[in-house]
């Protein structure tokens, strides 16, 4: 999809981040459901007799990524660290003149 000049660039970026998050979340749910079903139907094997199902690890690992993706899309959607630093430098430069 091409960038429409009538679109607000900030809102367009936020919309893209949110759409990306939704696709990531859908993938997370589908893949992890498959992993848990695979684990269940193949005999519920545990890792090193610790009685922790092996799908816990990819679910937790990817889940951490999902949380950060959510934060970037919904909690802090407008400001990146580069934008913050740029604004600081710009203010610093303006204060010197």
PDB file of N, CA and C in Angstrom:
ATOM      1  N   UNK A   1       0.851  -1.180   0.000  1.00  0.00           N
ATOM      2  CA  UNK A   1       0.000   0.000   0.000  1.00  0.00           C
ATOM      3  C   UNK A   1       0.891   1.236   0.000  1.00  0.00           C
ATOM      4  N   UNK A   2       0.576   2.183  -0.823  1.00  0.00           N
ATOM      5  CA  UNK A   2       1.382   3.392  -0.937  1.00  0.00           C
ATOM      6  C   UNK A   2       0.940   4.416   0.101  1.00  0.00           C
ATOM      7  N   UNK A   3       1.872   5.281   0.456  1.00  0.00           N
ATOM      8  CA  UNK A   3       1.585   6.335   1.426  1.00  0.00           C
ATOM      9  C   UNK A   3       0.741   7.410   0.762  1.00  0.00           C
ATOM     10  N   UNK A   4      -0.449   7.634   1.264  1.00  0.00           N
ATOM     11  CA  UNK A   4      -1.355   8.631   0.732  1.00  0.00           C
ATOM     12  C   UNK A   4      -0.971   9.991   1.308  1.00  0.00           C
ATOM     13  N   UNK A   5      -0.730  11.023   0.455  1.00  0.00           N
ATOM     14  CA  UNK A   5      -0.290  12.320   0.977  1.00  0.00           C
ATOM     15  C   UNK A   5      -1.327  12.996   1.874  1.00  0.00           C
ATOM     16  N   UNK A   6      -2.579  12.567   1.802  1.00  0.00           N
ATOM     17  CA  UNK A   6      -3.622  13.179   2.625  1.00  0.00           C
ATOM     18  C   UNK A   6      -3.617  12.632   4.046  1.00  0.00           C
ATOM     19  N   UNK A   7      -2.929  11.522   4.271  1.00  0.00           N
ATOM     20  CA  UNK A   7      -2.917  10.900   5.588  1.00  0.00           C
ATOM     21  C   UNK A   7      -1.956  11.648   6.503  1.00  0.00           C
ATOM     22  N   UNK A   8      -2.359  11.756   7.760  1.00  0.00           N
ATOM     23  CA  UNK A   8      -1.488  12.314   8.791  1.00  0.00           C
ATOM     24  C   UNK A   8      -0.364  11.304   9.024  1.00  0.00           C
ATOM     25  N   UNK A   9       0.890  11.676   8.825  1.00  0.00           N
ATOM     26  CA  UNK A   9       1.988  10.700   8.943  1.00  0.00           C
ATOM     27  C   UNK A   9       2.123  10.094  10.337  1.00  0.00           C
ATOM     28  N   UNK A  10       1.846  10.860  11.365  1.00  0.00           N
ATOM     29  CA  UNK A  10       1.953  10.336  12.732  1.00  0.00           C
ATOM     30  C   UNK A  10       0.863   9.297  12.979  1.00  0.00           C
ATOM     31  N   UNK A  11      -0.375   9.630  12.592  1.00  0.00           N
ATOM     32  CA  UNK A  11      -1.476   8.678  12.781  1.00  0.00           C
ATOM     33  C   UNK A  11      -1.288   7.443  11.916  1.00  0.00           C
ATOM     34  N   UNK A  12      -0.747   7.634  10.709  1.00  0.00           N
ATOM     35  CA  UNK A  12      -0.496   6.504   9.824  1.00  0.00           C
ATOM     36  C   UNK A  12       0.533   5.551  10.446  1.00  0.00           C
ATOM     37  N   UNK A  13       1.577   6.101  11.054  1.00  0.00           N
ATOM     38  CA  UNK A  13       2.590   5.274  11.710  1.00  0.00           C
ATOM     39  C   UNK A  13       1.983   4.507  12.879  1.00  0.00           C
ATOM     40  N   UNK A  14       1.141   5.157  13.666  1.00  0.00           N
ATOM     41  CA  UNK A  14       0.480   4.486  14.790  1.00  0.00           C
ATOM     42  C   UNK A  14      -0.411   3.366  14.283  1.00  0.00           C
ATOM     43  N   UNK A  15      -1.161   3.639  13.212  1.00  0.00           N
ATOM     44  CA  UNK A  15      -2.042   2.619  12.632  1.00  0.00           C
ATOM     45  C   UNK A  15      -1.233   1.415  12.153  1.00  0.00           C
ATOM     46  N   UNK A  16      -0.080   1.657  11.535  1.00  0.00           N
ATOM     47  CA  UNK A  16       0.772   0.568  11.073  1.00  0.00           C
ATOM     48  C   UNK A  16       1.303  -0.261  12.240  1.00  0.00           C
ATOM     49  N   UNK A  17       1.698   0.400  13.324  1.00  0.00           N
ATOM     50  CA  UNK A  17       2.196  -0.317  14.500  1.00  0.00           C
ATOM     51  C   UNK A  17       1.101  -1.194  15.099  1.00  0.00           C
ATOM     52  N   UNK A  18      -0.115  -0.674  15.159  1.00  0.00           N
ATOM     53  CA  UNK A  18      -1.219  -1.436  15.743  1.00  0.00           C
ATOM     54  C   UNK A  18      -1.611  -2.614  14.853  1.00  0.00           C
ATOM     55  N   UNK A  19      -1.625  -2.407  13.557  1.00  0.00           N
ATOM     56  CA  UNK A  19      -1.940  -3.504  12.637  1.00  0.00           C
ATOM     57  C   UNK A  19      -0.863  -4.588  12.734  1.00  0.00           C
ATOM     58  N   UNK A  20       0.394  -4.185  12.813  1.00  0.00           N
ATOM     59  CA  UNK A  20       1.497  -5.130  12.949  1.00  0.00           C
ATOM     60  C   UNK A  20       1.363  -5.928  14.251  1.00  0.00           C
ATOM     61  N   UNK A  21       0.988  -5.252  15.322  1.00  0.00           N
ATOM     62  CA  UNK A  21       0.801  -5.939  16.603  1.00  0.00           C
ATOM     63  C   UNK A  21      -0.302  -6.981  16.499  1.00  0.00           C
ATOM     64  N   UNK A  22      -1.403  -6.627  15.849  1.00  0.00           N
ATOM     65  CA  UNK A  22      -2.526  -7.568  15.729  1.00  0.00           C
ATOM     66  C   UNK A  22      -2.122  -8.817  14.954  1.00  0.00           C
ATOM     67  N   UNK A  23      -1.331  -8.663  13.883  1.00  0.00           N
ATOM     68  CA  UNK A  23      -0.846  -9.818  13.131  1.00  0.00           C
ATOM     69  C   UNK A  23       0.094 -10.659  13.989  1.00  0.00           C
ATOM     70  N   UNK A  24       0.955 -10.015  14.742  1.00  0.00           N
ATOM     71  CA  UNK A  24       1.885 -10.726  15.614  1.00  0.00           C
ATOM     72  C   UNK A  24       1.125 -11.505  16.684  1.00  0.00           C
ATOM     73  N   UNK A  25       0.107 -10.887  17.260  1.00  0.00           N
ATOM     74  CA  UNK A  25      -0.699 -11.547  18.284  1.00  0.00           C
ATOM     75  C   UNK A  25      -1.432 -12.753  17.700  1.00  0.00           C
ATOM     76  N   UNK A  26      -1.996 -12.595  16.516  1.00  0.00           N
ATOM     77  CA  UNK A  26      -2.697 -13.714  15.869  1.00  0.00           C
ATOM     78  C   UNK A  26      -1.731 -14.869  15.611  1.00  0.00           C
ATOM     79  N   UNK A  27      -0.536 -14.554  15.138  1.00  0.00           N
ATOM     80  CA  UNK A  27       0.482 -15.590  14.903  1.00  0.00           C
ATOM     81  C   UNK A  27       0.854 -16.282  16.207  1.00  0.00           C
ATOM     82  N   UNK A  28       1.021 -15.498  17.249  1.00  0.00           N
ATOM     83  CA  UNK A  28       1.361 -16.030  18.568  1.00  0.00           C
ATOM     84  C   UNK A  28       0.303 -17.034  19.033  1.00  0.00           C
ATOM     85  N   UNK A  29      -0.947 -16.652  18.914  1.00  0.00           N
ATOM     86  CA  UNK A  29      -2.036 -17.523  19.368  1.00  0.00           C
ATOM     87  C   UNK A  29      -2.084 -18.807  18.544  1.00  0.00           C
ATOM     88  N   UNK A  30      -1.990 -18.686  17.227  1.00  0.00           N
ATOM     89  CA  UNK A  30      -2.073 -19.860  16.359  1.00  0.00           C
ATOM     90  C   UNK A  30      -0.895 -20.803  16.590  1.00  0.00           C
ATOM     91  N   UNK A  31       0.313 -20.271  16.564  1.00  0.00           N
ATOM     92  CA  UNK A  31       1.503 -21.119  16.709  1.00  0.00           C
ATOM     93  C   UNK A  31       1.561 -21.751  18.092  1.00  0.00           C
ATOM     94  N   UNK A  32       1.272 -20.986  19.135  1.00  0.00           N
ATOM     95  CA  UNK A  32       1.349 -21.552  20.479  1.00  0.00           C
ATOM     96  C   UNK A  32       0.234 -22.556  20.738  1.00  0.00           C
ATOM     97  N   UNK A  33      -0.926 -22.338  20.163  1.00  0.00           N
ATOM     98  CA  UNK A  33      -1.990 -23.345  20.264  1.00  0.00           C
ATOM     99  C   UNK A  33      -1.524 -24.644  19.626  1.00  0.00           C
ATOM    100  N   UNK A  34      -0.919 -24.538  18.446  1.00  0.00           N
ATOM    101  CA  UNK A  34      -0.382 -25.725  17.769  1.00  0.00           C
ATOM    102  C   UNK A  34       0.673 -26.418  18.637  1.00  0.00           C
ATOM    103  N   UNK A  35       1.593 -25.656  19.213  1.00  0.00           N
ATOM    104  CA  UNK A  35       2.646 -26.250  20.043  1.00  0.00           C
ATOM    105  C   UNK A  35       2.069 -26.987  21.257  1.00  0.00           C
ATOM    106  N   UNK A  36       1.083 -26.382  21.907  1.00  0.00           N
ATOM    107  CA  UNK A  36       0.485 -27.020  23.078  1.00  0.00           C
ATOM    108  C   UNK A  36      -0.310 -28.268  22.683  1.00  0.00           C
ATOM    109  N   UNK A  37      -0.991 -28.213  21.542  1.00  0.00           N
ATOM    110  CA  UNK A  37      -1.705 -29.398  21.071  1.00  0.00           C
ATOM    111  C   UNK A  37      -0.726 -30.504  20.691  1.00  0.00           C
ATOM    112  N   UNK A  38       0.359 -30.124  20.054  1.00  0.00           N
ATOM    113  CA  UNK A  38       1.402 -31.083  19.706  1.00  0.00           C
ATOM    114  C   UNK A  38       1.938 -31.753  20.966  1.00  0.00           C
ATOM    115  N   UNK A  39       2.237 -30.963  21.973  1.00  0.00           N
ATOM    116  CA  UNK A  39       2.724 -31.497  23.237  1.00  0.00           C
ATOM    117  C   UNK A  39       1.699 -32.448  23.858  1.00  0.00           C
ATOM    118  N   UNK A  40       0.442 -32.036  23.862  1.00  0.00           N
ATOM    119  CA  UNK A  40      -0.621 -32.822  24.489  1.00  0.00           C
ATOM    120  C   UNK A  40      -0.813 -34.161  23.786  1.00  0.00           C
ATOM    121  N   UNK A  41      -0.853 -34.132  22.454  1.00  0.00           N
ATOM    122  CA  UNK A  41      -1.155 -35.343  21.704  1.00  0.00           C
ATOM    123  C   UNK A  41       0.054 -36.244  21.459  1.00  0.00           C
ATOM    124  N   UNK A  42       1.239 -35.820  21.847  1.00  0.00           N
ATOM    125  CA  UNK A  42       2.421 -36.671  21.684  1.00  0.00           C
ATOM    126  C   UNK A  42       2.897 -37.249  23.006  1.00  0.00           C
ATOM    127  N   UNK A  43       2.078 -37.263  23.981  1.00  0.00           N
ATOM    128  CA  UNK A  43       2.411 -37.951  25.220  1.00  0.00           C
ATOM    129  C   UNK A  43       2.798 -37.077  26.386  1.00  0.00           C
ATOM    130  N   UNK A  44       2.591 -35.779  26.285  1.00  0.00           N
ATOM    131  CA  UNK A  44       2.862 -34.877  27.407  1.00  0.00           C
ATOM    132  C   UNK A  44       4.267 -35.057  27.965  1.00  0.00           C
ATOM    133  N   UNK A  45       5.256 -35.051  27.135  1.00  0.00           N
ATOM    134  CA  UNK A  45       6.629 -35.240  27.596  1.00  0.00           C
ATOM    135  C   UNK A  45       7.147 -33.970  28.261  1.00  0.00           C
ATOM    136  N   UNK A  46       7.863 -34.159  29.354  1.00  0.00           N
ATOM    137  CA  UNK A  46       8.424 -33.042  30.107  1.00  0.00           C
ATOM    138  C   UNK A  46       9.912 -32.927  29.835  1.00  0.00           C
ATOM    139  N   UNK A  47      10.465 -31.770  30.142  1.00  0.00           N
ATOM    140  CA  UNK A  47      11.885 -31.541  29.941  1.00  0.00           C
ATOM    141  C   UNK A  47      12.643 -31.910  31.213  1.00  0.00           C
ATOM    142  N   UNK A  48      13.607 -32.817  31.117  1.00  0.00           N
ATOM    143  CA  UNK A  48      14.503 -33.174  32.226  1.00  0.00           C
ATOM    144  C   UNK A  48      13.763 -33.530  33.509  1.00  0.00           C
ATOM    145  N   UNK A  49      12.663 -34.179  33.387  1.00  0.00           N
ATOM    146  CA  UNK A  49      11.881 -34.625  34.548  1.00  0.00           C
ATOM    147  C   UNK A  49      11.533 -33.494  35.509  1.00  0.00           C
ATOM    148  N   UNK A  50      11.570 -32.270  35.049  1.00  0.00           N
ATOM    149  CA  UNK A  50      11.225 -31.139  35.919  1.00  0.00           C
ATOM    150  C   UNK A  50       9.722 -30.898  35.933  1.00  0.00           C
ATOM    151  N   UNK A  51       9.002 -31.666  35.154  1.00  0.00           N
ATOM    152  CA  UNK A  51       7.550 -31.560  35.050  1.00  0.00           C
ATOM    153  C   UNK A  51       7.099 -30.201  34.535  1.00  0.00           C
ATOM    154  N   UNK A  52       7.950 -29.607  33.716  1.00  0.00           N
ATOM    155  CA  UNK A  52       7.579 -28.363  33.037  1.00  0.00           C
ATOM    156  C   UNK A  52       7.389 -28.708  31.568  1.00  0.00           C
ATOM    157  N   UNK A  53       6.196 -28.488  31.037  1.00  0.00           N
ATOM    158  CA  UNK A  53       5.963 -28.799  29.626  1.00  0.00           C
ATOM    159  C   UNK A  53       6.865 -27.946  28.729  1.00  0.00           C
ATOM    160  N   UNK A  54       7.446 -28.553  27.699  1.00  0.00           N
ATOM    161  CA  UNK A  54       8.368 -27.817  26.839  1.00  0.00           C
ATOM    162  C   UNK A  54       7.737 -26.624  26.129  1.00  0.00           C
ATOM    163  N   UNK A  55       6.416 -26.608  25.813  1.00  0.00           N
ATOM    164  CA  UNK A  55       5.872 -25.421  25.145  1.00  0.00           C
ATOM    165  C   UNK A  55       5.853 -24.157  26.016  1.00  0.00           C
ATOM    166  N   UNK A  56       6.126 -24.327  27.298  1.00  0.00           N
ATOM    167  CA  UNK A  56       6.181 -23.154  28.181  1.00  0.00           C
ATOM    168  C   UNK A  56       7.242 -22.175  27.690  1.00  0.00           C
ATOM    169  N   UNK A  57       8.396 -22.695  27.250  1.00  0.00           N
ATOM    170  CA  UNK A  57       9.521 -21.833  26.907  1.00  0.00           C
ATOM    171  C   UNK A  57       9.255 -20.969  25.674  1.00  0.00           C
ATOM    172  N   UNK A  58       8.782 -21.524  24.552  1.00  0.00           N
ATOM    173  CA  UNK A  58       8.479 -20.624  23.432  1.00  0.00           C
ATOM    174  C   UNK A  58       7.307 -19.691  23.740  1.00  0.00           C
ATOM    175  N   UNK A  59       6.342 -20.176  24.529  1.00  0.00           N
ATOM    176  CA  UNK A  59       5.209 -19.331  24.889  1.00  0.00           C
ATOM    177  C   UNK A  59       5.662 -18.138  25.714  1.00  0.00           C
ATOM    178  N   UNK A  60       6.526 -18.376  26.691  1.00  0.00           N
ATOM    179  CA  UNK A  60       7.032 -17.275  27.520  1.00  0.00           C
ATOM    180  C   UNK A  60       7.946 -16.339  26.731  1.00  0.00           C
ATOM    181  N   UNK A  61       8.849 -16.917  25.964  1.00  0.00           N
ATOM    182  CA  UNK A  61       9.782 -16.094  25.201  1.00  0.00           C
ATOM    183  C   UNK A  61       9.081 -15.175  24.216  1.00  0.00           C
ATOM    184  N   UNK A  62       8.205 -15.752  23.427  1.00  0.00           N
ATOM    185  CA  UNK A  62       7.468 -14.955  22.451  1.00  0.00           C
ATOM    186  C   UNK A  62       6.500 -14.015  23.172  1.00  0.00           C
ATOM    187  N   UNK A  63       5.965 -14.454  24.304  1.00  0.00           N
ATOM    188  CA  UNK A  63       5.048 -13.623  25.085  1.00  0.00           C
ATOM    189  C   UNK A  63       5.697 -12.334  25.556  1.00  0.00           C
ATOM    190  N   UNK A  64       6.971 -12.409  25.930  1.00  0.00           N
ATOM    191  CA  UNK A  64       7.699 -11.197  26.328  1.00  0.00           C
ATOM    192  C   UNK A  64       7.773 -10.231  25.146  1.00  0.00           C
ATOM    193  N   UNK A  65       8.063 -10.765  23.971  1.00  0.00           N
ATOM    194  CA  UNK A  65       8.087  -9.938  22.768  1.00  0.00           C
ATOM    195  C   UNK A  65       6.730  -9.320  22.474  1.00  0.00           C
ATOM    196  N   UNK A  66       5.667 -10.080  22.685  1.00  0.00           N
ATOM    197  CA  UNK A  66       4.302  -9.581  22.471  1.00  0.00           C
ATOM    198  C   UNK A  66       4.015  -8.399  23.397  1.00  0.00           C
ATOM    199  N   UNK A  67       4.440  -8.500  24.641  1.00  0.00           N
ATOM    200  CA  UNK A  67       4.220  -7.410  25.600  1.00  0.00           C
ATOM    201  C   UNK A  67       4.919  -6.132  25.130  1.00  0.00           C
ATOM    202  N   UNK A  68       6.170  -6.251  24.690  1.00  0.00           N
ATOM    203  CA  UNK A  68       6.887  -5.075  24.199  1.00  0.00           C
ATOM    204  C   UNK A  68       6.255  -4.524  22.925  1.00  0.00           C
ATOM    205  N   UNK A  69       5.796  -5.409  22.059  1.00  0.00           N
ATOM    206  CA  UNK A  69       5.133  -4.963  20.832  1.00  0.00           C
ATOM    207  C   UNK A  69       3.840  -4.207  21.182  1.00  0.00           C
ATOM    208  N   UNK A  70       3.081  -4.718  22.152  1.00  0.00           N
ATOM    209  CA  UNK A  70       1.863  -4.041  22.606  1.00  0.00           C
ATOM    210  C   UNK A  70       2.181  -2.655  23.158  1.00  0.00           C
ATOM    211  N   UNK A  71       3.240  -2.578  23.974  1.00  0.00           N
ATOM    212  CA  UNK A  71       3.617  -1.293  24.559  1.00  0.00           C
ATOM    213  C   UNK A  71       3.938  -0.276  23.462  1.00  0.00           C
ATOM    214  N   UNK A  72       4.672  -0.712  22.446  1.00  0.00           N
ATOM    215  CA  UNK A  72       5.036   0.174  21.344  1.00  0.00           C
ATOM    216  C   UNK A  72       3.860   0.578  20.486  1.00  0.00           C
ATOM    217  N   UNK A  73       2.840  -0.271  20.416  1.00  0.00           N
ATOM    218  CA  UNK A  73       1.694   0.017  19.561  1.00  0.00           C
ATOM    219  C   UNK A  73       0.587   0.801  20.277  1.00  0.00           C
ATOM    220  N   UNK A  74       0.399   0.558  21.578  1.00  0.00           N
ATOM    221  CA  UNK A  74      -0.741   1.155  22.273  1.00  0.00           C
ATOM    222  C   UNK A  74      -0.372   2.074  23.435  1.00  0.00           C
ATOM    223  N   UNK A  75       0.708   1.812  24.129  1.00  0.00           N
ATOM    224  CA  UNK A  75       1.036   2.608  25.311  1.00  0.00           C
ATOM    225  C   UNK A  75       1.909   3.803  24.944  1.00  0.00           C
ATOM    226  N   UNK A  76       2.951   3.565  24.162  1.00  0.00           N
ATOM    227  CA  UNK A  76       3.855   4.632  23.735  1.00  0.00           C
ATOM    228  C   UNK A  76       3.952   4.647  22.209  1.00  0.00           C
ATOM    229  N   UNK A  77       2.842   4.860  21.505  1.00  0.00           N
ATOM    230  CA  UNK A  77       2.877   4.687  20.052  1.00  0.00           C
ATOM    231  C   UNK A  77       3.553   5.814  19.288  1.00  0.00           C
ATOM    232  N   UNK A  78       3.565   7.011  19.826  1.00  0.00           N
ATOM    233  CA  UNK A  78       4.015   8.160  19.048  1.00  0.00           C
ATOM    234  C   UNK A  78       5.502   8.449  19.167  1.00  0.00           C
ATOM    235  N   UNK A  79       6.088   8.106  20.269  1.00  0.00           N
ATOM    236  CA  UNK A  79       7.444   8.571  20.539  1.00  0.00           C
ATOM    237  C   UNK A  79       8.421   7.392  20.555  1.00  0.00           C
ATOM    238  N   UNK A  80       9.446   7.487  19.737  1.00  0.00           N
ATOM    239  CA  UNK A  80      10.527   6.514  19.800  1.00  0.00           C
ATOM    240  C   UNK A  80      11.691   7.168  20.530  1.00  0.00           C
ATOM    241  N   UNK A  81      12.629   6.377  20.931  1.00  0.00           N
ATOM    242  CA  UNK A  81      13.772   6.942  21.647  1.00  0.00           C
ATOM    243  C   UNK A  81      14.559   7.887  20.748  1.00  0.00           C
ATOM    244  N   UNK A  82      14.629   7.596  19.441  1.00  0.00           N
ATOM    245  CA  UNK A  82      15.334   8.483  18.519  1.00  0.00           C
ATOM    246  C   UNK A  82      14.629   9.841  18.440  1.00  0.00           C
ATOM    247  N   UNK A  83      13.308   9.829  18.405  1.00  0.00           N
ATOM    248  CA  UNK A  83      12.564  11.090  18.370  1.00  0.00           C
ATOM    249  C   UNK A  83      12.782  11.886  19.648  1.00  0.00           C
ATOM    250  N   UNK A  84      12.792  11.204  20.772  1.00  0.00           N
ATOM    251  CA  UNK A  84      13.018  11.859  22.057  1.00  0.00           C
ATOM    252  C   UNK A  84      14.393  12.511  22.088  1.00  0.00           C
ATOM    253  N   UNK A  85      15.408  11.782  21.671  1.00  0.00           N
ATOM    254  CA  UNK A  85      16.767  12.321  21.658  1.00  0.00           C
ATOM    255  C   UNK A  85      16.888  13.492  20.678  1.00  0.00           C
ATOM    256  N   UNK A  86      16.247  13.384  19.527  1.00  0.00           N
ATOM    257  CA  UNK A  86      16.279  14.467  18.541  1.00  0.00           C
ATOM    258  C   UNK A  86      15.658  15.738  19.128  1.00  0.00           C
ATOM    259  N   UNK A  87      14.523  15.580  19.804  1.00  0.00           N
ATOM    260  CA  UNK A  87      13.866  16.737  20.413  1.00  0.00           C
ATOM    261  C   UNK A  87      14.742  17.365  21.495  1.00  0.00           C
ATOM    262  N   UNK A  88      15.443  16.559  22.285  1.00  0.00           N
ATOM    263  CA  UNK A  88      16.356  17.086  23.294  1.00  0.00           C
ATOM    264  C   UNK A  88      17.477  17.898  22.648  1.00  0.00           C
ATOM    265  N   UNK A  89      18.058  17.329  21.581  1.00  0.00           N
ATOM    266  CA  UNK A  89      19.128  18.035  20.881  1.00  0.00           C
ATOM    267  C   UNK A  89      18.626  19.336  20.257  1.00  0.00           C
ATOM    268  N   UNK A  90      17.436  19.304  19.698  1.00  0.00           N
ATOM    269  CA  UNK A  90      16.849  20.494  19.087  1.00  0.00           C
ATOM    270  C   UNK A  90      16.619  21.577  20.136  1.00  0.00           C
ATOM    271  N   UNK A  91      16.062  21.200  21.295  1.00  0.00           N
ATOM    272  CA  UNK A  91      15.849  22.169  22.376  1.00  0.00           C
ATOM    273  C   UNK A  91      17.176  22.727  22.875  1.00  0.00           C
ATOM    274  N   UNK A  92      18.169  21.860  23.007  1.00  0.00           N
ATOM    275  CA  UNK A  92      19.494  22.285  23.460  1.00  0.00           C
ATOM    276  C   UNK A  92      20.091  23.298  22.493  1.00  0.00           C
ATOM    277  N   UNK A  93      19.948  23.023  21.204  1.00  0.00           N
ATOM    278  CA  UNK A  93      20.485  23.929  20.189  1.00  0.00           C
ATOM    279  C   UNK A  93      19.754  25.273  20.216  1.00  0.00           C
ATOM    280  N   UNK A  94      18.450  25.248  20.398  1.00  0.00           N
ATOM    281  CA  UNK A  94      17.655  26.478  20.434  1.00  0.00           C
ATOM    282  C   UNK A  94      17.990  27.300  21.670  1.00  0.00           C
ATOM    283  N   UNK A  95      18.266  26.658  22.789  1.00  0.00           N
ATOM    284  CA  UNK A  95      18.599  27.372  24.016  1.00  0.00           C
ATOM    285  C   UNK A  95      19.961  28.052  23.934  1.00  0.00           C
ATOM    286  N   UNK A  96      20.877  27.516  23.119  1.00  0.00           N
ATOM    287  CA  UNK A  96      22.212  28.111  22.965  1.00  0.00           C
ATOM    288  C   UNK A  96      22.168  29.367  22.120  1.00  0.00           C
ATOM    289  N   UNK A  97      21.188  29.482  21.235  1.00  0.00           N
ATOM    290  CA  UNK A  97      21.111  30.662  20.349  1.00  0.00           C
ATOM    291  C   UNK A  97      20.241  31.731  20.896  1.00  0.00           C
TER     292      UNK A  97
END
